[in-house]
Structure formats: C-alpha cells, structure tokens
Amino acid sequence: MQLDLNLLSALDVLLEEESVGGAAFRLNLSEPAMSRTLGRIRRVTGDAVLVRSGRFMTPTPYALSIREQVHATVQQAKALLQPPEVLNVAELQRTFTLRGHDALLEALVPLLMGSVTRQAPGVRLRFLGETQGRTEEEVQDLRRGNTDLALGSAPSSAPDLLHEVVGQDHFVVALRRLHPLLTGTLTTERYAAARHVSVSRRGRLHGPVDAALEEQGLSREVVVAVPTASVATRLAAESDLLISVPARMMVGTLEAFGLETRPLPLHIAPLPVVVIWHARTEGDAANRWLRTQVRDAAQQILDHPEVDLHL
C-alpha cells in the first residue's frame, strides 16, 4: 500500500483540534473535504480515531496513544525539508517568549537582556511566570509556538520536547542580620526548630527539605507558603522566619534585602536548570541563537566562583 504522508499531517491537526471543523479551518479545507480525509485515515489505521460524543469529538485510545509520536514525526519531517537558514543576528526582527521560575528569571533577565540588546537590537523578549507545575497548557504553548523556551528544573517527558541541562545550583539557608541563629553553628536540630517560609506556586507546606528532615526523625514548622522567592525573601528580611533558597540564582536578591546565608544543614540534591524547546524549532537558527544566549547567561550565574555566600 502506498502511504500518503499528507494524511500524517492531517492526522496531527485532527488530534490537536479534536474537531473536523477546527482541522478544516487550520488546513484551509472545507469540512466535507476534511471529513473525507478522516475517512481515509480511518481506513489506513483501521481505527475510528475520533468518535462523536455529544456535540464534540473524542479521540479513541489508539489515537491518544499515538498523538505525541505523530506530532513529533510531522515536526521532524518539516525540519528535514527546510533549507539551512543563514542568520543575520544584527538585523533580526523577532519577539521571543520565555517562561520560567521567578528566582531564575530575576537573576537571568538582566544578563540575557544585555547580551541580546548588544547583538540583536531588533529582538524583543517576553517573560512569563511558571504555572502550578508543568501543565498541559505549558506543553501546548511550546507546541503551538506561543512559548519559545521554557526554563525549569526538570525536563518534560513529551517526546517532541527537547531539553538541555545548562547547570545546577545548591541550596542555602537565608536569614536576617542579627538573627539569633547566626550565633553558633546552625545544626540540623536548630534549623528544624525554627519557623520557616515555603516557596511553592501550589501553596505546598511540605517539600524536599521536609522529606530530608523526616529521614533524620525531625520536622519543621512551615508557617506560610508563598508563590515567589522574592516574597519569601522579604518575609525573611522582616522577621525571624528562615528561607531555604538556591544560592547563586538568589544572590542579588538576598544581598539587596541584607540577608545572611548559611549552609543548609541537610543533604538536598542540587537544583538543575533546564532549557526546554520544541522539536519544531530545533533547526531554527534564531531559536538556536537564543538558546545559546540563555545557556551562556545561566552558566555565568551558576558557575560564578564568588557567590558561595559564606559556605
């Protein structure tokens, strides 16, 4: 049987839209023509692919199982057929959208903007905050081109999302100057007995620090959870609350609020910094250039030898 690769592209759009009408609009086809294409896909696959459910259409289990693979295959095929792009960075006119955690963006944005502005004055950058965990919406934003890069601490499991670990950071305890715990050694027991701020976009009062304490038969009192590291830093600066934060990402903010730092008296795995992009943009010279700028700025922050902060 001769395979029509156009069916693969049509299947990709149908599985994204879950609608014959929506797929027809995106492919500039009439709905009857799109319905005929769906019929051909059904005959080739031997599966209904999309079934009517009230006013909507629902993917079959088979369709759900192949959706990500179909999308990745279509994007890789498009990349293969695109001619190599010669990039003139100085004349590049483009807006890029990046999404990341506030602590990382606070450290990264000034360096990144300086580099981008010097090399490509026609480039504009938009930065978005992370949502509560890596949601399907964030993944779809990368797939649809609404987001160009995502910056986080873990890669995505989606096969059409690529990633690079650009460095890692370690955690420290930050506390106000003249805090009682600055006198003497900050032991695990003294740390656990203090009152703490948790940084969690989902409002969690329990995290990796608490799990590490539990392994030693200890627990701490987290009295407040806030969504951003900057809010946590201000609370620590104005009270006896402790915060446990990435050292190098937060160095500027901690110094601005006059906070002291001490080694975290627990073993917590270093925090990786991961850059994520869609396979569709793997061969895009402008996106590749932007990834290089992000990598260089992140490594400048994470590898800096002068920010061990009293370790």
Protein backbone atom coordinates (compact mmCIF):
# COMPACT_ATOMS: atom_id res chain seq x y z
CA MET A 1 0.00 0.00 0.00
CA GLN A 2 1.37 3.43 -0.95
CA LEU A 3 1.41 5.78 2.05
CA ASP A 4 0.20 9.36 1.60
CA LEU A 5 2.30 11.43 4.01
CA ASN A 6 -0.26 14.23 3.76
CA LEU A 7 -2.52 12.01 5.85
CA LEU A 8 0.03 12.16 8.66
CA SER A 9 -0.10 15.97 8.71
CA ALA A 10 -3.89 15.89 8.62
CA LEU A 11 -3.96 13.36 11.46
CA ASP A 12 -1.66 15.59 13.52
CA VAL A 13 -4.03 18.56 13.16
CA LEU A 14 -7.13 16.44 13.81
CA LEU A 15 -5.64 15.10 17.02
CA GLU A 16 -4.71 18.59 18.18
CA GLU A 17 -8.08 20.15 17.37
CA GLU A 18 -10.28 17.13 18.16
CA SER A 19 -12.65 18.66 15.65
CA VAL A 20 -13.22 18.19 11.92
CA GLY A 21 -14.28 21.83 11.63
CA GLY A 22 -11.26 23.12 13.52
CA ALA A 23 -8.87 20.98 11.49
CA ALA A 24 -10.53 22.10 8.25
CA PHE A 25 -10.06 25.76 9.23
CA ARG A 26 -6.37 25.28 10.04
CA LEU A 27 -5.68 23.39 6.81
CA ASN A 28 -7.80 25.77 4.69
CA LEU A 29 -10.13 22.95 3.60
CA SER A 30 -13.89 22.59 3.53
CA GLU A 31 -15.47 20.46 6.25
CA PRO A 32 -16.64 17.82 3.71
CA ALA A 33 -13.07 17.53 2.39
CA MET A 34 -11.75 17.19 5.94
CA SER A 35 -14.35 14.52 6.69
CA ARG A 36 -13.24 12.58 3.63
CA THR A 37 -9.63 12.83 4.81
CA LEU A 38 -10.65 11.50 8.23
CA GLY A 39 -12.36 8.63 6.45
CA ARG A 40 -9.14 7.79 4.61
CA ILE A 41 -7.18 7.91 7.87
CA ARG A 42 -9.69 5.52 9.43
CA ARG A 43 -9.30 3.07 6.54
CA VAL A 44 -5.48 3.21 6.73
CA THR A 45 -5.27 2.82 10.51
CA GLY A 46 -8.26 0.52 10.98
CA ASP A 47 -9.35 2.76 13.87
CA ALA A 48 -12.10 5.37 14.24
CA VAL A 49 -9.51 7.89 15.54
CA LEU A 50 -12.20 10.44 16.53
CA VAL A 51 -15.71 9.49 17.67
CA ARG A 52 -18.73 11.68 18.24
CA SER A 53 -19.51 12.42 21.90
CA GLY A 54 -22.47 14.77 22.11
CA ARG A 55 -21.53 17.99 20.32
CA PHE A 56 -17.83 17.15 20.47
CA MET A 57 -15.44 14.53 19.12
CA THR A 58 -13.29 12.38 21.39
CA PRO A 59 -10.02 10.62 20.46
CA THR A 60 -10.01 6.85 20.70
CA PRO A 61 -7.49 5.10 22.99
CA TYR A 62 -5.41 4.30 19.90
CA ALA A 63 -5.44 7.96 18.83
CA LEU A 64 -4.34 9.08 22.29
CA SER A 65 -1.51 6.54 22.29
CA ILE A 66 -0.03 7.85 19.02
CA ARG A 67 -0.78 11.57 19.32
CA GLU A 68 2.61 12.72 20.61
CA GLN A 69 4.51 10.40 18.25
CA VAL A 70 2.53 11.66 15.25
CA HIS A 71 3.20 15.28 16.20
CA ALA A 72 6.92 14.68 16.70
CA THR A 73 7.21 12.84 13.38
CA VAL A 74 5.47 15.63 11.45
CA GLN A 75 7.68 18.30 13.00
CA GLN A 76 10.85 16.34 12.32
CA ALA A 77 9.81 15.84 8.70
CA LYS A 78 9.21 19.57 8.31
CA ALA A 79 12.63 20.33 9.78
CA LEU A 80 14.28 17.94 7.30
CA LEU A 81 12.66 19.68 4.34
CA GLN A 82 13.57 23.20 5.45
CA PRO A 83 16.71 24.66 3.83
CA PRO A 84 19.55 25.71 6.15
CA GLU A 85 18.95 29.21 7.45
CA VAL A 86 21.65 31.88 7.45
CA LEU A 87 21.02 34.15 10.42
CA ASN A 88 22.00 37.81 10.49
CA VAL A 89 21.57 38.49 14.20
CA ALA A 90 22.18 42.21 13.90
CA GLU A 91 19.18 42.57 11.56
CA LEU A 92 16.92 40.03 13.28
CA GLN A 93 13.42 41.39 13.97
CA ARG A 94 11.61 38.96 16.24
CA THR A 95 9.80 38.61 19.55
CA PHE A 96 10.64 35.60 21.71
CA THR A 97 8.58 34.37 24.65
CA LEU A 98 10.27 32.58 27.57
CA ARG A 99 8.69 31.03 30.65
CA GLY A 100 10.50 30.35 33.92
CA HIS A 101 10.60 30.42 37.71
CA ASP A 102 10.76 33.89 39.23
CA ALA A 103 14.05 33.24 41.08
CA LEU A 104 15.78 32.15 37.89
CA LEU A 105 14.30 34.96 35.82
CA GLU A 106 15.34 37.56 38.39
CA ALA A 107 18.97 36.50 38.04
CA LEU A 108 18.90 35.68 34.33
CA VAL A 109 16.94 38.51 32.72
CA PRO A 110 19.46 41.37 33.24
CA LEU A 111 22.34 39.31 31.82
CA LEU A 112 20.26 37.94 28.97
CA MET A 113 18.84 41.33 28.03
CA GLY A 114 22.33 42.86 27.99
CA SER A 115 23.62 40.16 25.65
CA VAL A 116 20.59 40.22 23.36
CA THR A 117 20.46 44.01 23.15
CA ARG A 118 24.13 44.24 22.17
CA GLN A 119 23.89 41.59 19.47
CA ALA A 120 20.32 41.94 18.18
CA PRO A 121 18.74 45.33 18.91
CA GLY A 122 15.65 44.34 16.89
CA VAL A 123 14.81 41.41 19.19
CA ARG A 124 12.19 41.75 21.91
CA LEU A 125 11.79 39.33 24.81
CA ARG A 126 8.62 38.44 26.72
CA PHE A 127 8.92 36.59 30.03
CA LEU A 128 6.10 34.60 31.59
CA GLY A 129 5.96 33.08 35.07
CA GLU A 130 5.60 29.35 35.62
CA THR A 131 2.18 27.91 36.32
CA GLN A 132 1.46 25.34 39.04
CA GLY A 133 3.73 22.58 37.79
CA ARG A 134 4.36 21.84 34.14
CA THR A 135 0.77 21.87 32.94
CA GLU A 136 -0.57 20.61 29.65
CA GLU A 137 -1.16 24.26 28.78
CA GLU A 138 2.57 25.00 29.05
CA VAL A 139 3.40 21.99 26.87
CA GLN A 140 0.83 23.06 24.30
CA ASP A 141 2.23 26.60 24.32
CA LEU A 142 5.61 25.19 23.27
CA ARG A 143 3.99 23.03 20.61
CA ARG A 144 1.97 25.87 19.13
CA GLY A 145 4.80 28.40 19.27
CA ASN A 146 3.18 30.58 21.94
CA THR A 147 6.30 29.96 24.04
CA ASP A 148 9.75 29.64 22.50
CA LEU A 149 11.69 28.39 25.54
CA ALA A 150 10.77 27.09 28.97
CA LEU A 151 13.23 27.28 31.86
CA GLY A 152 12.75 24.86 34.72
CA SER A 153 14.31 22.26 36.96
CA ALA A 154 13.15 19.10 35.15
CA PRO A 155 12.83 18.02 31.51
CA SER A 156 9.47 17.15 30.00
CA SER A 157 8.60 13.53 29.18
CA ALA A 158 6.88 14.57 25.94
CA PRO A 159 8.87 13.09 23.01
CA ASP A 160 8.52 16.25 20.90
CA LEU A 161 10.11 18.49 23.57
CA LEU A 162 13.89 18.70 23.67
CA HIS A 163 15.99 19.95 26.56
CA GLU A 164 19.47 20.84 27.77
CA VAL A 165 20.72 20.95 31.37
CA VAL A 166 22.74 24.17 31.47
CA GLY A 167 23.90 23.98 35.09
CA GLN A 168 22.82 23.47 38.67
CA ASP A 169 22.50 25.40 41.89
CA HIS A 170 22.74 24.44 45.57
CA PHE A 171 20.51 25.48 48.46
CA VAL A 172 21.41 27.70 51.38
CA VAL A 173 19.55 29.00 54.41
CA ALA A 174 18.91 32.76 54.35
CA LEU A 175 18.05 34.78 57.46
CA ARG A 176 18.05 38.39 58.56
CA ARG A 177 21.10 40.06 60.03
CA LEU A 178 21.26 39.79 63.82
CA HIS A 179 19.06 36.68 63.68
CA PRO A 180 19.58 34.57 66.87
CA LEU A 181 20.56 31.56 64.77
CA LEU A 182 23.60 33.39 63.40
CA THR A 183 25.26 32.82 66.79
CA GLY A 184 26.91 29.41 66.92
CA THR A 185 26.62 26.55 64.46
CA LEU A 186 23.37 26.13 62.56
CA THR A 187 22.77 22.46 63.29
CA THR A 188 20.02 20.36 61.80
CA GLU A 189 18.18 20.45 65.15
CA ARG A 190 18.32 24.25 65.42
CA TYR A 191 17.26 24.59 61.81
CA ALA A 192 14.28 22.26 62.33
CA ALA A 193 13.19 24.07 65.50
CA ALA A 194 12.93 27.43 63.69
CA ARG A 195 9.88 28.76 61.83
CA HIS A 196 10.05 28.68 58.03
CA VAL A 197 8.68 30.11 54.80
CA SER A 198 7.96 27.71 51.94
CA VAL A 199 8.22 28.85 48.32
CA SER A 200 5.59 26.98 46.34
CA ARG A 201 3.42 28.07 43.45
CA ARG A 202 0.90 25.46 44.59
CA GLY A 203 0.89 26.59 48.21
CA ARG A 204 2.55 23.43 49.49
CA LEU A 205 3.74 23.38 53.09
CA HIS A 206 5.77 20.19 52.60
CA GLY A 207 8.65 19.65 50.19
CA PRO A 208 12.10 18.09 49.70
CA VAL A 209 13.51 19.80 52.80
CA ASP A 210 10.78 18.27 54.94
CA ALA A 211 11.38 14.83 53.44
CA ALA A 212 15.10 15.11 54.27
CA LEU A 213 14.29 16.15 57.84
CA GLU A 214 11.91 13.23 58.25
CA GLU A 215 14.71 10.84 57.33
CA GLN A 216 16.50 12.13 60.44
CA GLY A 217 13.40 11.89 62.61
CA LEU A 218 12.86 15.66 62.59
CA SER A 219 10.22 18.06 61.32
CA ARG A 220 9.98 21.81 60.91
CA GLU A 221 7.19 24.33 61.25
CA VAL A 222 6.31 25.99 57.95
CA VAL A 223 4.07 28.89 58.92
CA VAL A 224 3.49 30.37 55.47
CA ALA A 225 3.73 29.30 51.82
CA VAL A 226 4.20 31.97 49.15
CA PRO A 227 4.32 31.63 45.36
CA THR A 228 7.55 33.53 44.67
CA ALA A 229 11.05 33.63 46.09
CA SER A 230 11.01 37.42 46.19
CA VAL A 231 8.04 37.46 48.59
CA ALA A 232 9.74 34.83 50.77
CA THR A 233 12.91 36.94 50.85
CA ARG A 234 11.05 39.99 52.10
CA LEU A 235 9.36 37.96 54.83
CA ALA A 236 12.73 36.63 55.98
CA ALA A 237 14.20 40.14 55.98
CA GLU A 238 11.43 41.47 58.22
CA SER A 239 11.05 38.58 60.69
CA ASP A 240 12.79 35.60 62.25
CA LEU A 241 11.46 33.26 59.56
CA LEU A 242 14.00 31.19 57.60
CA ILE A 243 14.01 30.54 53.88
CA SER A 244 15.91 27.82 52.01
CA VAL A 245 16.70 29.00 48.51
CA PRO A 246 19.05 28.43 45.54
CA ALA A 247 22.28 30.27 46.38
CA ARG A 248 23.50 31.54 43.02
CA MET A 249 20.13 32.36 41.50
CA MET A 250 19.16 34.37 44.56
CA VAL A 251 22.45 36.08 45.39
CA GLY A 252 21.41 39.52 44.14
CA THR A 253 18.02 39.43 45.87
CA LEU A 254 19.49 38.18 49.15
CA GLU A 255 22.12 40.92 49.15
CA ALA A 256 19.53 43.57 48.28
CA PHE A 257 17.47 42.60 51.33
CA GLY A 258 20.56 42.37 53.54
CA LEU A 259 20.14 38.68 54.34
CA GLU A 260 22.89 36.46 55.70
CA THR A 261 23.32 32.91 54.44
CA ARG A 262 24.49 29.66 55.97
CA PRO A 263 24.94 26.17 54.53
CA LEU A 264 21.77 24.12 54.59
CA PRO A 265 22.41 21.51 57.33
CA LEU A 266 20.79 18.80 55.24
CA HIS A 267 21.63 16.92 52.09
CA ILE A 268 19.40 18.22 49.32
CA ALA A 269 20.18 17.33 45.73
CA PRO A 270 21.43 20.28 43.66
CA LEU A 271 18.76 22.01 41.62
CA PRO A 272 19.29 21.56 37.86
CA VAL A 273 18.48 24.36 35.44
CA VAL A 274 16.90 23.00 32.27
CA VAL A 275 16.12 24.77 28.99
CA ILE A 276 13.24 23.19 27.05
CA TRP A 277 12.15 23.80 23.46
CA HIS A 278 10.01 22.12 20.84
CA ALA A 279 11.48 19.83 18.20
CA ARG A 280 9.90 22.08 15.57
CA THR A 281 12.41 24.81 16.46
CA GLU A 282 15.47 22.55 16.67
CA GLY A 283 16.67 23.68 13.25
CA ASP A 284 15.54 27.31 13.60
CA ALA A 285 18.69 29.42 13.58
CA ALA A 286 17.13 32.25 15.60
CA ASN A 287 15.85 29.92 18.30
CA ARG A 288 19.21 28.17 18.39
CA TRP A 289 20.94 31.54 18.83
CA LEU A 290 18.55 32.43 21.67
CA ARG A 291 19.27 29.09 23.38
CA THR A 292 22.96 29.91 23.25
CA GLN A 293 22.36 33.30 24.89
CA VAL A 294 20.28 31.68 27.64
CA ARG A 295 22.88 28.96 28.19
CA ASP A 296 25.73 31.47 28.43
CA ALA A 297 23.83 33.75 30.83
CA ALA A 298 22.74 30.84 33.03
CA GLN A 299 26.26 29.41 33.20
CA GLN A 300 27.64 32.83 34.08
CA ILE A 301 25.27 32.86 37.06
CA LEU A 302 25.61 29.23 38.11
CA ASP A 303 29.37 28.88 37.66
CA HIS A 304 30.35 32.19 39.26
CA PRO A 305 33.12 31.48 41.82
CA GLU A 306 32.36 34.46 44.01
CA VAL A 307 28.84 33.66 45.19
CA ASP A 308 29.30 30.77 47.61
CA LEU A 309 27.83 33.06 50.26
CA HIS A 310 29.73 32.15 53.41
CA LEU A 311 29.81 28.43 52.58
